[in-house]
PDB file of N, CA and C in Angstrom:
ATOM      1  N   MET A   1     -61.336-117.727   5.733  1.00  0.00           N
ATOM      2  CA  MET A   1     -60.899-116.428   5.396  1.00  0.00           C
ATOM      3  C   MET A   1     -61.324-115.845   6.562  1.00  0.00           C
ATOM      4  N   ASP A   2     -60.314-114.421   7.185  1.00  0.00           N
ATOM      5  CA  ASP A   2     -60.211-113.716   8.287  1.00  0.00           C
ATOM      6  C   ASP A   2     -60.925-112.010   7.741  1.00  0.00           C
ATOM      7  N   ASP A   3     -59.745-111.492   7.126  1.00  0.00           N
ATOM      8  CA  ASP A   3     -60.106-110.450   6.831  1.00  0.00           C
ATOM      9  C   ASP A   3     -59.716-109.586   4.877  1.00  0.00           C
ATOM     10  N   ALA A   4     -60.076-108.765   4.653  1.00  0.00           N
ATOM     11  CA  ALA A   4     -60.396-108.903   3.091  1.00  0.00           C
ATOM     12  C   ALA A   4     -59.565-107.597   3.134  1.00  0.00           C
ATOM     13  N   VAL A   5     -59.461-107.649   2.280  1.00  0.00           N
ATOM     14  CA  VAL A   5     -57.891-106.185   1.291  1.00  0.00           C
ATOM     15  C   VAL A   5     -59.110-105.460  -0.380  1.00  0.00           C
ATOM     16  N   VAL A   6     -58.863-104.661   0.043  1.00  0.00           N
ATOM     17  CA  VAL A   6     -59.708-104.666  -1.595  1.00  0.00           C
ATOM     18  C   VAL A   6     -58.417-103.173  -2.207  1.00  0.00           C
ATOM     19  N   LEU A   7     -58.379-103.878  -3.069  1.00  0.00           N
ATOM     20  CA  LEU A   7     -57.251-102.702  -4.041  1.00  0.00           C
ATOM     21  C   LEU A   7     -57.789-101.285  -4.704  1.00  0.00           C
ATOM     22  N   PHE A   8     -57.788-101.163  -5.091  1.00  0.00           N
ATOM     23  CA  PHE A   8     -58.336 -99.606  -6.062  1.00  0.00           C
ATOM     24  C   PHE A   8     -59.509 -99.780  -5.696  1.00  0.00           C
ATOM     25  N   SER A   9     -59.797 -99.449  -4.212  1.00  0.00           N
ATOM     26  CA  SER A   9     -60.534 -99.414  -3.966  1.00  0.00           C
ATOM     27  C   SER A   9     -61.240 -97.015  -3.544  1.00  0.00           C
ATOM     28  N   GLU A  10     -60.390 -96.626  -4.473  1.00  0.00           N
ATOM     29  CA  GLU A  10     -61.158 -95.049  -4.729  1.00  0.00           C
ATOM     30  C   GLU A  10     -61.512 -95.334  -6.108  1.00  0.00           C
ATOM     31  N   ASP A  11     -61.550 -96.518  -6.822  1.00  0.00           N
ATOM     32  CA  ASP A  11     -62.383 -97.121  -8.370  1.00  0.00           C
ATOM     33  C   ASP A  11     -63.876 -96.131  -8.318  1.00  0.00           C
ATOM     34  N   GLN A  12     -64.230 -96.186  -9.112  1.00  0.00           N
ATOM     35  CA  GLN A  12     -65.624 -95.282  -8.692  1.00  0.00           C
ATOM     36  C   GLN A  12     -66.693 -97.002  -8.506  1.00  0.00           C
ATOM     37  N   LYS A  13     -66.525 -98.199  -9.227  1.00  0.00           N
ATOM     38  CA  LYS A  13     -67.141 -99.320  -8.567  1.00  0.00           C
ATOM     39  C   LYS A  13     -67.716 -98.896  -7.821  1.00  0.00           C
ATOM     40  N   TYR A  14     -67.063 -98.629  -6.536  1.00  0.00           N
ATOM     41  CA  TYR A  14     -66.609 -98.736  -4.992  1.00  0.00           C
ATOM     42  C   TYR A  14     -67.140 -97.121  -4.461  1.00  0.00           C
ATOM     43  N   THR A  15     -68.861 -97.582  -4.525  1.00  0.00           N
ATOM     44  CA  THR A  15     -69.327 -96.466  -3.748  1.00  0.00           C
ATOM     45  C   THR A  15     -69.251 -96.732  -1.910  1.00  0.00           C
ATOM     46  N   TYR A  16     -69.689 -96.262  -1.349  1.00  0.00           N
ATOM     47  CA  TYR A  16     -69.975 -95.858   0.692  1.00  0.00           C
ATOM     48  C   TYR A  16     -70.892 -97.310   0.577  1.00  0.00           C
ATOM     49  N   LYS A  17     -71.782 -97.735   0.351  1.00  0.00           N
ATOM     50  CA  LYS A  17     -72.633 -98.694   0.245  1.00  0.00           C
ATOM     51  C   LYS A  17     -72.214 -99.827   0.166  1.00  0.00           C
ATOM     52  N   LYS A  18     -71.248-100.283  -1.536  1.00  0.00           N
ATOM     53  CA  LYS A  18     -70.196-100.967  -1.078  1.00  0.00           C
ATOM     54  C   LYS A  18     -69.896-101.446  -0.259  1.00  0.00           C
ATOM     55  N   ILE A  19     -68.946-100.192  -0.302  1.00  0.00           N
ATOM     56  CA  ILE A  19     -67.538-100.544   1.019  1.00  0.00           C
ATOM     57  C   ILE A  19     -68.531-101.109   2.384  1.00  0.00           C
ATOM     58  N   LEU A  20     -69.750-100.609   2.014  1.00  0.00           N
ATOM     59  CA  LEU A  20     -69.987-101.029   4.092  1.00  0.00           C
ATOM     60  C   LEU A  20     -71.266-102.786   3.949  1.00  0.00           C
ATOM     61  N   TYR A  21     -71.600-102.495   2.650  1.00  0.00           N
ATOM     62  CA  TYR A  21     -71.716-104.119   2.786  1.00  0.00           C
ATOM     63  C   TYR A  21     -70.220-105.313   2.697  1.00  0.00           C
ATOM     64  N   ILE A  22     -69.016-104.184   1.999  1.00  0.00           N
ATOM     65  CA  ILE A  22     -67.894-105.464   1.992  1.00  0.00           C
ATOM     66  C   ILE A  22     -68.020-105.895   3.140  1.00  0.00           C
ATOM     67  N   CYS A  23     -68.063-104.795   4.363  1.00  0.00           N
ATOM     68  CA  CYS A  23     -67.710-104.669   5.631  1.00  0.00           C
ATOM     69  C   CYS A  23     -69.435-105.289   6.815  1.00  0.00           C
ATOM     70  N   GLY A  24     -70.343-105.604   6.754  1.00  0.00           N
ATOM     71  CA  GLY A  24     -71.038-106.562   6.688  1.00  0.00           C
ATOM     72  C   GLY A  24     -71.611-107.750   6.020  1.00  0.00           C
ATOM     73  N   GLN A  25     -70.595-107.615   5.473  1.00  0.00           N
ATOM     74  CA  GLN A  25     -70.658-109.303   5.006  1.00  0.00           C
ATOM     75  C   GLN A  25     -69.191-110.335   5.933  1.00  0.00           C
ATOM     76  N   MET A  26     -68.347-109.448   6.115  1.00  0.00           N
ATOM     77  CA  MET A  26     -66.986-109.761   7.019  1.00  0.00           C
ATOM     78  C   MET A  26     -67.401-110.665   7.454  1.00  0.00           C
ATOM     79  N   ARG A  27     -68.591-108.980   8.795  1.00  0.00           N
ATOM     80  CA  ARG A  27     -68.595-109.691   9.650  1.00  0.00           C
ATOM     81  C   ARG A  27     -69.680-111.255  10.400  1.00  0.00           C
ATOM     82  N   SER A  28     -70.239-111.525   8.130  1.00  0.00           N
ATOM     83  CA  SER A  28     -71.014-112.493   8.471  1.00  0.00           C
ATOM     84  C   SER A  28     -70.440-113.587   8.318  1.00  0.00           C
ATOM     85  N   VAL A  29     -69.275-113.983   7.700  1.00  0.00           N
ATOM     86  CA  VAL A  29     -68.145-115.178   8.165  1.00  0.00           C
ATOM     87  C   VAL A  29     -67.016-114.607   8.103  1.00  0.00           C
ATOM     88  N   ASN A  30     -66.673-113.929   9.337  1.00  0.00           N
ATOM     89  CA  ASN A  30     -65.962-114.348  10.540  1.00  0.00           C
ATOM     90  C   ASN A  30     -66.467-113.440  11.987  1.00  0.00           C
ATOM     91  N   LEU A  31     -66.797-113.952  13.234  1.00  0.00           N
ATOM     92  CA  LEU A  31     -67.360-113.196  14.198  1.00  0.00           C
ATOM     93  C   LEU A  31     -66.389-112.213  15.417  1.00  0.00           C
ATOM     94  N   THR A  32     -64.972-113.279  15.011  1.00  0.00           N
ATOM     95  CA  THR A  32     -64.111-112.651  15.657  1.00  0.00           C
ATOM     96  C   THR A  32     -63.400-110.842  14.644  1.00  0.00           C
ATOM     97  N   LEU A  33     -63.606-109.427  15.055  1.00  0.00           N
ATOM     98  CA  LEU A  33     -63.250-108.950  14.133  1.00  0.00           C
ATOM     99  C   LEU A  33     -62.536-108.919  13.273  1.00  0.00           C
ATOM    100  N   PRO A  34     -63.631-109.468  12.419  1.00  0.00           N
ATOM    101  CA  PRO A  34     -62.788-109.464  10.847  1.00  0.00           C
ATOM    102  C   PRO A  34     -62.556-107.315  10.607  1.00  0.00           C
ATOM    103  N   GLU A  35     -61.534-107.019   9.577  1.00  0.00           N
ATOM    104  CA  GLU A  35     -60.749-105.713   9.366  1.00  0.00           C
ATOM    105  C   GLU A  35     -61.106-106.315   7.505  1.00  0.00           C
ATOM    106  N   VAL A  36     -61.559-104.708   6.703  1.00  0.00           N
ATOM    107  CA  VAL A  36     -61.492-104.153   5.662  1.00  0.00           C
ATOM    108  C   VAL A  36     -60.143-103.933   5.703  1.00  0.00           C
ATOM    109  N   LEU A  37     -59.330-103.443   4.702  1.00  0.00           N
ATOM    110  CA  LEU A  37     -58.271-102.858   5.382  1.00  0.00           C
ATOM    111  C   LEU A  37     -58.705-102.180   3.123  1.00  0.00           C
ATOM    112  N   LEU A  38     -59.098-100.615   2.576  1.00  0.00           N
ATOM    113  CA  LEU A  38     -58.967-100.215   1.475  1.00  0.00           C
ATOM    114  C   LEU A  38     -57.432 -99.502   0.571  1.00  0.00           C
ATOM    115  N   VAL A  39     -57.171-100.452  -0.257  1.00  0.00           N
ATOM    116  CA  VAL A  39     -55.621 -99.984  -0.587  1.00  0.00           C
ATOM    117  C   VAL A  39     -56.207 -99.053  -1.407  1.00  0.00           C
ATOM    118  N   CYS A  40     -55.782 -97.314  -1.631  1.00  0.00           N
ATOM    119  CA  CYS A  40     -55.946 -96.641  -2.595  1.00  0.00           C
ATOM    120  C   CYS A  40     -54.727 -96.149  -2.629  1.00  0.00           C
ATOM    121  N   ASN A  41     -55.055 -94.708  -3.785  1.00  0.00           N
ATOM    122  CA  ASN A  41     -54.066 -93.702  -4.002  1.00  0.00           C
ATOM    123  C   ASN A  41     -54.469 -92.539  -3.460  1.00  0.00           C
ATOM    124  N   GLU A  42     -55.677 -92.381  -3.323  1.00  0.00           N
ATOM    125  CA  GLU A  42     -56.110 -90.955  -2.973  1.00  0.00           C
ATOM    126  C   GLU A  42     -57.367 -91.421  -2.164  1.00  0.00           C
ATOM    127  N   VAL A  43     -57.900 -91.135  -1.154  1.00  0.00           N
ATOM    128  CA  VAL A  43     -59.144 -91.365  -0.529  1.00  0.00           C
ATOM    129  C   VAL A  43     -60.049 -90.349  -0.878  1.00  0.00           C
ATOM    130  N   SER A  44     -61.238 -92.182  -1.937  1.00  0.00           N
ATOM    131  CA  SER A  44     -62.732 -90.762  -2.408  1.00  0.00           C
ATOM    132  C   SER A  44     -63.552 -90.265  -1.497  1.00  0.00           C
ATOM    133  N   GLU A  45     -64.473 -89.960  -1.748  1.00  0.00           N
ATOM    134  CA  GLU A  45     -65.653 -88.930  -1.188  1.00  0.00           C
ATOM    135  C   GLU A  45     -66.383 -90.294  -0.651  1.00  0.00           C
ATOM    136  N   ASP A  46     -66.331 -91.429  -1.467  1.00  0.00           N
ATOM    137  CA  ASP A  46     -67.024 -92.414  -0.619  1.00  0.00           C
ATOM    138  C   ASP A  46     -66.842 -92.805   0.905  1.00  0.00           C
ATOM    139  N   ILE A  47     -65.039 -93.461   0.668  1.00  0.00           N
ATOM    140  CA  ILE A  47     -64.365 -93.691   0.857  1.00  0.00           C
ATOM    141  C   ILE A  47     -65.242 -93.127   2.404  1.00  0.00           C
ATOM    142  N   GLU A  48     -64.252 -92.165   2.559  1.00  0.00           N
ATOM    143  CA  GLU A  48     -65.215 -91.188   3.618  1.00  0.00           C
ATOM    144  C   GLU A  48     -66.521 -91.207   4.588  1.00  0.00           C
ATOM    145  N   LYS A  49     -67.314 -91.026   2.861  1.00  0.00           N
ATOM    146  CA  LYS A  49     -68.866 -91.883   3.361  1.00  0.00           C
ATOM    147  C   LYS A  49     -69.110 -92.610   4.687  1.00  0.00           C
ATOM    148  N   ALA A  50     -68.165 -93.583   3.674  1.00  0.00           N
ATOM    149  CA  ALA A  50     -68.938 -94.883   4.343  1.00  0.00           C
ATOM    150  C   ALA A  50     -67.305 -95.071   5.724  1.00  0.00           C
ATOM    151  N   LYS A  51     -66.383 -94.674   5.891  1.00  0.00           N
ATOM    152  CA  LYS A  51     -66.170 -94.744   6.640  1.00  0.00           C
ATOM    153  C   LYS A  51     -66.793 -93.691   8.036  1.00  0.00           C
ATOM    154  N   ASP A  52     -67.276 -91.940   8.235  1.00  0.00           N
ATOM    155  CA  ASP A  52     -67.973 -91.680   9.312  1.00  0.00           C
ATOM    156  C   ASP A  52     -69.002 -92.401   9.176  1.00  0.00           C
ATOM    157  N   MET A  53     -70.633 -93.585   8.107  1.00  0.00           N
ATOM    158  CA  MET A  53     -71.277 -93.411   8.450  1.00  0.00           C
ATOM    159  C   MET A  53     -70.860 -95.020  10.092  1.00  0.00           C
ATOM    160  N   ALA A  54     -69.475 -95.655   9.125  1.00  0.00           N
ATOM    161  CA  ALA A  54     -69.772 -96.454  10.390  1.00  0.00           C
ATOM    162  C   ALA A  54     -68.631 -96.048  11.483  1.00  0.00           C
ATOM    163  N   ARG A  55     -68.237 -95.316  11.484  1.00  0.00           N
ATOM    164  CA  ARG A  55     -68.372 -94.150  12.861  1.00  0.00           C
ATOM    165  C   ARG A  55     -69.255 -94.235  13.804  1.00  0.00           C
ATOM    166  N   ASP A  56     -70.168 -93.395  13.061  1.00  0.00           N
ATOM    167  CA  ASP A  56     -71.208 -93.279  13.701  1.00  0.00           C
ATOM    168  C   ASP A  56     -72.067 -93.944  14.130  1.00  0.00           C
ATOM    169  N   PHE A  57     -72.367 -95.045  13.471  1.00  0.00           N
ATOM    170  CA  PHE A  57     -72.760 -96.706  13.872  1.00  0.00           C
ATOM    171  C   PHE A  57     -72.307 -97.499  15.116  1.00  0.00           C
ATOM    172  N   ASN A  58     -71.441 -97.062  15.053  1.00  0.00           N
ATOM    173  CA  ASN A  58     -69.703 -97.770  16.156  1.00  0.00           C
ATOM    174  C   ASN A  58     -70.083 -97.034  17.464  1.00  0.00           C
ATOM    175  N   LYS A  59     -70.944 -95.916  17.417  1.00  0.00           N
ATOM    176  CA  LYS A  59     -70.657 -94.728  18.252  1.00  0.00           C
ATOM    177  C   LYS A  59     -71.827 -94.867  19.258  1.00  0.00           C
ATOM    178  N   LYS A  60     -73.033 -95.113  17.776  1.00  0.00           N
ATOM    179  CA  LYS A  60     -74.599 -95.841  19.295  1.00  0.00           C
ATOM    180  C   LYS A  60     -74.405 -96.851  18.737  1.00  0.00           C
ATOM    181  N   VAL A  61     -74.245 -97.780  18.526  1.00  0.00           N
ATOM    182  CA  VAL A  61     -73.627 -98.755  19.127  1.00  0.00           C
ATOM    183  C   VAL A  61     -73.584 -99.294  21.043  1.00  0.00           C
ATOM    184  N   TRP A  62     -71.964 -97.893  20.795  1.00  0.00           N
ATOM    185  CA  TRP A  62     -71.375 -97.932  22.239  1.00  0.00           C
ATOM    186  C   TRP A  62     -72.118 -97.792  23.277  1.00  0.00           C
ATOM    187  N   GLU A  63     -72.616 -96.482  22.439  1.00  0.00           N
ATOM    188  CA  GLU A  63     -73.763 -96.127  23.670  1.00  0.00           C
ATOM    189  C   GLU A  63     -74.567 -96.286  24.390  1.00  0.00           C
ATOM    190  N   LYS A  64     -75.154 -96.513  23.146  1.00  0.00           N
ATOM    191  CA  LYS A  64     -75.964 -97.551  23.151  1.00  0.00           C
ATOM    192  C   LYS A  64     -76.121 -99.176  24.682  1.00  0.00           C
ATOM    193  N   LYS A  65     -74.630 -98.935  24.483  1.00  0.00           N
ATOM    194  CA  LYS A  65     -74.217-100.763  25.438  1.00  0.00           C
ATOM    195  C   LYS A  65     -74.252-101.728  24.497  1.00  0.00           C
ATOM    196  N   LEU A  66     -74.784-101.767  23.577  1.00  0.00           N
ATOM    197  CA  LEU A  66     -74.859-103.045  22.809  1.00  0.00           C
ATOM    198  C   LEU A  66     -73.428-103.931  22.600  1.00  0.00           C
ATOM    199  N   ARG A  67     -73.513-104.735  23.103  1.00  0.00           N
ATOM    200  CA  ARG A  67     -72.094-105.762  23.239  1.00  0.00           C
ATOM    201  C   ARG A  67     -72.392-106.980  21.433  1.00  0.00           C
ATOM    202  N   GLU A  68     -73.049-106.835  21.273  1.00  0.00           N
ATOM    203  CA  GLU A  68     -73.235-108.238  20.300  1.00  0.00           C
ATOM    204  C   GLU A  68     -74.197-107.208  19.356  1.00  0.00           C
ATOM    205  N   LEU A  69     -74.307-107.540  18.105  1.00  0.00           N
ATOM    206  CA  LEU A  69     -75.154-106.798  16.999  1.00  0.00           C
ATOM    207  C   LEU A  69     -75.170-108.388  16.755  1.00  0.00           C
TER     208      LEU A  69
END
């Protein structure tokens, strides 16, 4: 498995925690920069929150010059 596609990701069952968990699990399955695609009709608050949290995390990793986690 290389990447993941989450259909209907704006559904209430996909909280920001679950979205971030899916991303983390994909990293443990595929060590070479896996992608998680969220397919939805409208971007939900949880999708936005997960995106912002992931960006903040990646920015901190970049600033600390950590290459591998």
